[in-house]
């Protein structure tokens, strides 16, 4: 993406809830490394998620599956 000229990259985790080392430590460390390597690119880590909104999403999914 950087080679293609992208100036803003948003990173998302597949983990919806807090408590995992991957989403809480590993991904932020990787994002910081990328920021150092590509100072002209804005990296955003869009986490943690709003748990109320996650619950609403999952409840809608359950309703849609009926």
PDB file of N, CA and C in Angstrom:
ATOM      1  N   UNK A   1       0.819  -1.188   0.000  1.00  0.00           N
ATOM      2  CA  UNK A   1       0.000   0.000   0.000  1.00  0.00           C
ATOM      3  C   UNK A   1       0.868   1.259   0.000  1.00  0.00           C
ATOM      4  N   UNK A   2       1.917   1.236   0.803  1.00  0.00           N
ATOM      5  CA  UNK A   2       2.815   2.388   0.845  1.00  0.00           C
ATOM      6  C   UNK A   2       3.452   2.597  -0.521  1.00  0.00           C
ATOM      7  N   UNK A   3       3.882   1.517  -1.155  1.00  0.00           N
ATOM      8  CA  UNK A   3       4.504   1.616  -2.478  1.00  0.00           C
ATOM      9  C   UNK A   3       3.527   2.172  -3.512  1.00  0.00           C
ATOM     10  N   UNK A   4       2.239   1.977  -3.286  1.00  0.00           N
ATOM     11  CA  UNK A   4       1.217   2.494  -4.197  1.00  0.00           C
ATOM     12  C   UNK A   4       0.836   3.947  -3.897  1.00  0.00           C
ATOM     13  N   UNK A   5       1.458   4.527  -2.875  1.00  0.00           N
ATOM     14  CA  UNK A   5       1.206   5.928  -2.563  1.00  0.00           C
ATOM     15  C   UNK A   5       0.106   6.192  -1.561  1.00  0.00           C
ATOM     16  N   UNK A   6      -0.361   5.159  -0.897  1.00  0.00           N
ATOM     17  CA  UNK A   6      -1.398   5.353   0.112  1.00  0.00           C
ATOM     18  C   UNK A   6      -0.827   6.214   1.244  1.00  0.00           C
ATOM     19  N   UNK A   7      -1.585   7.204   1.680  1.00  0.00           N
ATOM     20  CA  UNK A   7      -1.108   8.129   2.710  1.00  0.00           C
ATOM     21  C   UNK A   7      -1.711   7.885   4.080  1.00  0.00           C
ATOM     22  N   UNK A   8      -2.771   7.092   4.141  1.00  0.00           N
ATOM     23  CA  UNK A   8      -3.408   6.789   5.431  1.00  0.00           C
ATOM     24  C   UNK A   8      -3.837   5.332   5.425  1.00  0.00           C
ATOM     25  N   UNK A   9      -3.374   4.587   6.413  1.00  0.00           N
ATOM     26  CA  UNK A   9      -3.717   3.173   6.540  1.00  0.00           C
ATOM     27  C   UNK A   9      -4.352   2.958   7.905  1.00  0.00           C
ATOM     28  N   UNK A  10      -5.535   2.370   7.914  1.00  0.00           N
ATOM     29  CA  UNK A  10      -6.215   2.030   9.154  1.00  0.00           C
ATOM     30  C   UNK A  10      -6.113   0.530   9.371  1.00  0.00           C
ATOM     31  N   UNK A  11      -5.648   0.164  10.545  1.00  0.00           N
ATOM     32  CA  UNK A  11      -5.468  -1.237  10.907  1.00  0.00           C
ATOM     33  C   UNK A  11      -6.621  -1.641  11.822  1.00  0.00           C
ATOM     34  N   UNK A  12      -7.245  -2.771  11.496  1.00  0.00           N
ATOM     35  CA  UNK A  12      -8.345  -3.303  12.294  1.00  0.00           C
ATOM     36  C   UNK A  12      -7.961  -4.658  12.860  1.00  0.00           C
ATOM     37  N   UNK A  13      -8.428  -4.939  14.043  1.00  0.00           N
ATOM     38  CA  UNK A  13      -8.233  -6.252  14.646  1.00  0.00           C
ATOM     39  C   UNK A  13      -9.502  -7.074  14.470  1.00  0.00           C
ATOM     40  N   UNK A  14      -9.339  -8.365  14.338  1.00  0.00           N
ATOM     41  CA  UNK A  14     -10.516  -9.240  14.296  1.00  0.00           C
ATOM     42  C   UNK A  14     -10.996  -9.573  15.704  1.00  0.00           C
ATOM     43  N   UNK A  15     -10.234  -9.180  16.708  1.00  0.00           N
ATOM     44  CA  UNK A  15     -10.625  -9.401  18.101  1.00  0.00           C
ATOM     45  C   UNK A  15     -11.614  -8.311  18.498  1.00  0.00           C
ATOM     46  N   UNK A  16     -12.807  -8.717  18.909  1.00  0.00           N
ATOM     47  CA  UNK A  16     -13.817  -7.745  19.304  1.00  0.00           C
ATOM     48  C   UNK A  16     -13.670  -7.285  20.750  1.00  0.00           C
ATOM     49  N   UNK A  17     -13.128  -8.144  21.604  1.00  0.00           N
ATOM     50  CA  UNK A  17     -13.072  -7.820  23.028  1.00  0.00           C
ATOM     51  C   UNK A  17     -11.632  -7.662  23.499  1.00  0.00           C
ATOM     52  N   UNK A  18     -11.412  -6.839  24.521  1.00  0.00           N
ATOM     53  CA  UNK A  18     -10.073  -6.661  25.070  1.00  0.00           C
ATOM     54  C   UNK A  18      -9.590  -7.929  25.772  1.00  0.00           C
ATOM     55  N   UNK A  19      -8.297  -7.984  25.982  1.00  0.00           N
ATOM     56  CA  UNK A  19      -7.748  -9.082  26.769  1.00  0.00           C
ATOM     57  C   UNK A  19      -6.769  -9.963  26.021  1.00  0.00           C
ATOM     58  N   UNK A  20      -6.546  -9.710  24.756  1.00  0.00           N
ATOM     59  CA  UNK A  20      -5.625 -10.536  23.996  1.00  0.00           C
ATOM     60  C   UNK A  20      -4.299  -9.836  23.771  1.00  0.00           C
ATOM     61  N   UNK A  21      -3.208 -10.572  23.898  1.00  0.00           N
ATOM     62  CA  UNK A  21      -1.895  -9.964  23.714  1.00  0.00           C
ATOM     63  C   UNK A  21      -1.683  -9.505  22.276  1.00  0.00           C
ATOM     64  N   UNK A  22      -2.306 -10.201  21.338  1.00  0.00           N
ATOM     65  CA  UNK A  22      -2.141  -9.823  19.931  1.00  0.00           C
ATOM     66  C   UNK A  22      -2.706  -8.428  19.683  1.00  0.00           C
ATOM     67  N   UNK A  23      -3.934  -8.203  20.103  1.00  0.00           N
ATOM     68  CA  UNK A  23      -4.579  -6.916  19.834  1.00  0.00           C
ATOM     69  C   UNK A  23      -4.093  -5.806  20.758  1.00  0.00           C
ATOM     70  N   UNK A  24      -3.651  -6.155  21.954  1.00  0.00           N
ATOM     71  CA  UNK A  24      -3.261  -5.130  22.917  1.00  0.00           C
ATOM     72  C   UNK A  24      -1.783  -4.777  22.878  1.00  0.00           C
ATOM     73  N   UNK A  25      -0.923  -5.726  22.464  1.00  0.00           N
ATOM     74  CA  UNK A  25       0.515  -5.451  22.462  1.00  0.00           C
ATOM     75  C   UNK A  25       1.158  -5.615  21.093  1.00  0.00           C
ATOM     76  N   UNK A  26       0.916  -6.753  20.462  1.00  0.00           N
ATOM     77  CA  UNK A  26       1.636  -7.062  19.230  1.00  0.00           C
ATOM     78  C   UNK A  26       1.271  -6.129  18.073  1.00  0.00           C
ATOM     79  N   UNK A  27      -0.006  -5.924  17.834  1.00  0.00           N
ATOM     80  CA  UNK A  27      -0.411  -5.049  16.729  1.00  0.00           C
ATOM     81  C   UNK A  27       0.057  -3.607  16.970  1.00  0.00           C
ATOM     82  N   UNK A  28      -0.143  -3.041  18.184  1.00  0.00           N
ATOM     83  CA  UNK A  28       0.368  -1.679  18.395  1.00  0.00           C
ATOM     84  C   UNK A  28       1.887  -1.571  18.180  1.00  0.00           C
ATOM     85  N   UNK A  29       2.641  -2.586  18.560  1.00  0.00           N
ATOM     86  CA  UNK A  29       4.091  -2.572  18.335  1.00  0.00           C
ATOM     87  C   UNK A  29       4.412  -2.571  16.840  1.00  0.00           C
ATOM     88  N   UNK A  30       3.693  -3.368  16.076  1.00  0.00           N
ATOM     89  CA  UNK A  30       3.899  -3.416  14.629  1.00  0.00           C
ATOM     90  C   UNK A  30       3.554  -2.069  14.001  1.00  0.00           C
ATOM     91  N   UNK A  31       2.449  -1.476  14.443  1.00  0.00           N
ATOM     92  CA  UNK A  31       2.043  -0.175  13.909  1.00  0.00           C
ATOM     93  C   UNK A  31       3.107   0.876  14.214  1.00  0.00           C
ATOM     94  N   UNK A  32       3.666   0.854  15.415  1.00  0.00           N
ATOM     95  CA  UNK A  32       4.728   1.809  15.757  1.00  0.00           C
ATOM     96  C   UNK A  32       5.958   1.602  14.881  1.00  0.00           C
ATOM     97  N   UNK A  33       6.314   0.356  14.619  1.00  0.00           N
ATOM     98  CA  UNK A  33       7.436   0.064  13.731  1.00  0.00           C
ATOM     99  C   UNK A  33       7.177   0.618  12.335  1.00  0.00           C
ATOM    100  N   UNK A  34       5.960   0.421  11.837  1.00  0.00           N
ATOM    101  CA  UNK A  34       5.603   0.932  10.509  1.00  0.00           C
ATOM    102  C   UNK A  34       5.644   2.453  10.466  1.00  0.00           C
ATOM    103  N   UNK A  35       5.207   3.095  11.544  1.00  0.00           N
ATOM    104  CA  UNK A  35       5.269   4.560  11.600  1.00  0.00           C
ATOM    105  C   UNK A  35       6.710   5.040  11.475  1.00  0.00           C
ATOM    106  N   UNK A  36       7.637   4.326  12.120  1.00  0.00           N
ATOM    107  CA  UNK A  36       9.051   4.689  12.030  1.00  0.00           C
ATOM    108  C   UNK A  36       9.617   4.492  10.635  1.00  0.00           C
ATOM    109  N   UNK A  37       9.182   3.443   9.965  1.00  0.00           N
ATOM    110  CA  UNK A  37       9.674   3.139   8.617  1.00  0.00           C
ATOM    111  C   UNK A  37       9.065   4.033   7.549  1.00  0.00           C
ATOM    112  N   UNK A  38       7.844   4.482   7.798  1.00  0.00           N
ATOM    113  CA  UNK A  38       7.101   5.247   6.792  1.00  0.00           C
ATOM    114  C   UNK A  38       6.520   6.512   7.437  1.00  0.00           C
ATOM    115  N   UNK A  39       7.372   7.480   7.770  1.00  0.00           N
ATOM    116  CA  UNK A  39       6.905   8.665   8.508  1.00  0.00           C
ATOM    117  C   UNK A  39       5.908   9.539   7.743  1.00  0.00           C
ATOM    118  N   UNK A  40       5.821   9.396   6.441  1.00  0.00           N
ATOM    119  CA  UNK A  40       4.879  10.214   5.661  1.00  0.00           C
ATOM    120  C   UNK A  40       3.487   9.593   5.591  1.00  0.00           C
ATOM    121  N   UNK A  41       3.365   8.356   6.094  1.00  0.00           N
ATOM    122  CA  UNK A  41       2.077   7.658   6.069  1.00  0.00           C
ATOM    123  C   UNK A  41       1.457   7.737   7.462  1.00  0.00           C
ATOM    124  N   UNK A  42       0.173   8.054   7.492  1.00  0.00           N
ATOM    125  CA  UNK A  42      -0.533   8.104   8.776  1.00  0.00           C
ATOM    126  C   UNK A  42      -1.150   6.722   9.028  1.00  0.00           C
ATOM    127  N   UNK A  43      -0.733   6.092  10.118  1.00  0.00           N
ATOM    128  CA  UNK A  43      -1.262   4.790  10.514  1.00  0.00           C
ATOM    129  C   UNK A  43      -2.203   4.988  11.696  1.00  0.00           C
ATOM    130  N   UNK A  44      -3.383   4.409  11.587  1.00  0.00           N
ATOM    131  CA  UNK A  44      -4.369   4.453  12.658  1.00  0.00           C
ATOM    132  C   UNK A  44      -4.712   3.026  13.054  1.00  0.00           C
ATOM    133  N   UNK A  45      -4.691   2.755  14.347  1.00  0.00           N
ATOM    134  CA  UNK A  45      -5.112   1.445  14.842  1.00  0.00           C
ATOM    135  C   UNK A  45      -6.486   1.641  15.461  1.00  0.00           C
ATOM    136  N   UNK A  46      -7.510   1.198  14.782  1.00  0.00           N
ATOM    137  CA  UNK A  46      -8.901   1.421  15.185  1.00  0.00           C
ATOM    138  C   UNK A  46      -9.352   0.345  16.175  1.00  0.00           C
ATOM    139  N   UNK A  47      -8.830   0.432  17.358  1.00  0.00           N
ATOM    140  CA  UNK A  47      -9.127  -0.530  18.412  1.00  0.00           C
ATOM    141  C   UNK A  47      -8.820   0.127  19.739  1.00  0.00           C
ATOM    142  N   UNK A  48      -9.475  -0.150  20.839  1.00  0.00           N
ATOM    143  CA  UNK A  48     -10.510  -1.166  21.012  1.00  0.00           C
ATOM    144  C   UNK A  48     -11.855  -0.699  20.458  1.00  0.00           C
ATOM    145  N   UNK A  49     -12.677  -1.670  20.216  1.00  0.00           N
ATOM    146  CA  UNK A  49     -14.010  -1.382  19.705  1.00  0.00           C
ATOM    147  C   UNK A  49     -14.940  -1.001  20.850  1.00  0.00           C
ATOM    148  N   UNK A  50     -15.977  -0.260  20.494  1.00  0.00           N
ATOM    149  CA  UNK A  50     -17.025   0.065  21.456  1.00  0.00           C
ATOM    150  C   UNK A  50     -17.834  -1.212  21.694  1.00  0.00           C
ATOM    151  N   UNK A  51     -17.754  -1.748  22.902  1.00  0.00           N
ATOM    152  CA  UNK A  51     -18.376  -3.046  23.177  1.00  0.00           C
ATOM    153  C   UNK A  51     -19.898  -3.010  23.095  1.00  0.00           C
ATOM    154  N   UNK A  52     -20.497  -1.859  23.368  1.00  0.00           N
ATOM    155  CA  UNK A  52     -21.953  -1.740  23.203  1.00  0.00           C
ATOM    156  C   UNK A  52     -22.325  -1.902  21.727  1.00  0.00           C
ATOM    157  N   UNK A  53     -21.539  -1.293  20.853  1.00  0.00           N
ATOM    158  CA  UNK A  53     -21.811  -1.410  19.425  1.00  0.00           C
ATOM    159  C   UNK A  53     -21.539  -2.829  18.921  1.00  0.00           C
ATOM    160  N   UNK A  54     -20.528  -3.481  19.460  1.00  0.00           N
ATOM    161  CA  UNK A  54     -20.247  -4.875  19.089  1.00  0.00           C
ATOM    162  C   UNK A  54     -21.422  -5.759  19.495  1.00  0.00           C
ATOM    163  N   UNK A  55     -21.935  -5.552  20.706  1.00  0.00           N
ATOM    164  CA  UNK A  55     -23.073  -6.351  21.186  1.00  0.00           C
ATOM    165  C   UNK A  55     -24.298  -6.132  20.299  1.00  0.00           C
ATOM    166  N   UNK A  56     -24.531  -4.890  19.893  1.00  0.00           N
ATOM    167  CA  UNK A  56     -25.665  -4.600  19.006  1.00  0.00           C
ATOM    168  C   UNK A  56     -25.492  -5.285  17.654  1.00  0.00           C
ATOM    169  N   UNK A  57     -24.292  -5.236  17.113  1.00  0.00           N
ATOM    170  CA  UNK A  57     -24.008  -5.898  15.844  1.00  0.00           C
ATOM    171  C   UNK A  57     -24.274  -7.403  15.946  1.00  0.00           C
ATOM    172  N   UNK A  58     -23.774  -8.011  17.002  1.00  0.00           N
ATOM    173  CA  UNK A  58     -23.958  -9.453  17.163  1.00  0.00           C
ATOM    174  C   UNK A  58     -25.422  -9.813  17.390  1.00  0.00           C
ATOM    175  N   UNK A  59     -26.144  -8.982  18.127  1.00  0.00           N
ATOM    176  CA  UNK A  59     -27.570  -9.236  18.343  1.00  0.00           C
ATOM    177  C   UNK A  59     -28.336  -9.152  17.026  1.00  0.00           C
ATOM    178  N   UNK A  60     -27.985  -8.175  16.184  1.00  0.00           N
ATOM    179  CA  UNK A  60     -28.633  -8.073  14.862  1.00  0.00           C
ATOM    180  C   UNK A  60     -28.317  -9.295  14.009  1.00  0.00           C
ATOM    181  N   UNK A  61     -27.100  -9.756  14.103  1.00  0.00           N
ATOM    182  CA  UNK A  61     -26.720 -10.941  13.329  1.00  0.00           C
ATOM    183  C   UNK A  61     -27.528 -12.162  13.758  1.00  0.00           C
ATOM    184  N   UNK A  62     -27.724 -12.312  15.059  1.00  0.00           N
ATOM    185  CA  UNK A  62     -28.540 -13.417  15.568  1.00  0.00           C
ATOM    186  C   UNK A  62     -29.958 -13.297  15.044  1.00  0.00           C
ATOM    187  N   UNK A  63     -30.521 -12.097  15.094  1.00  0.00           N
ATOM    188  CA  UNK A  63     -31.887 -11.879  14.588  1.00  0.00           C
ATOM    189  C   UNK A  63     -31.984 -12.188  13.109  1.00  0.00           C
ATOM    190  N   UNK A  64     -30.988 -11.794  12.330  1.00  0.00           N
ATOM    191  CA  UNK A  64     -31.006 -12.035  10.886  1.00  0.00           C
ATOM    192  C   UNK A  64     -30.862 -13.512  10.544  1.00  0.00           C
ATOM    193  N   UNK A  65     -30.302 -14.279  11.454  1.00  0.00           N
ATOM    194  CA  UNK A  65     -30.092 -15.705  11.204  1.00  0.00           C
ATOM    195  C   UNK A  65     -31.341 -16.532  11.483  1.00  0.00           C
ATOM    196  N   UNK A  66     -32.330 -15.935  12.079  1.00  0.00           N
ATOM    197  CA  UNK A  66     -33.547 -16.694  12.439  1.00  0.00           C
ATOM    198  C   UNK A  66     -34.434 -16.900  11.261  1.00  0.00           C
TER     199      UNK A  66
END
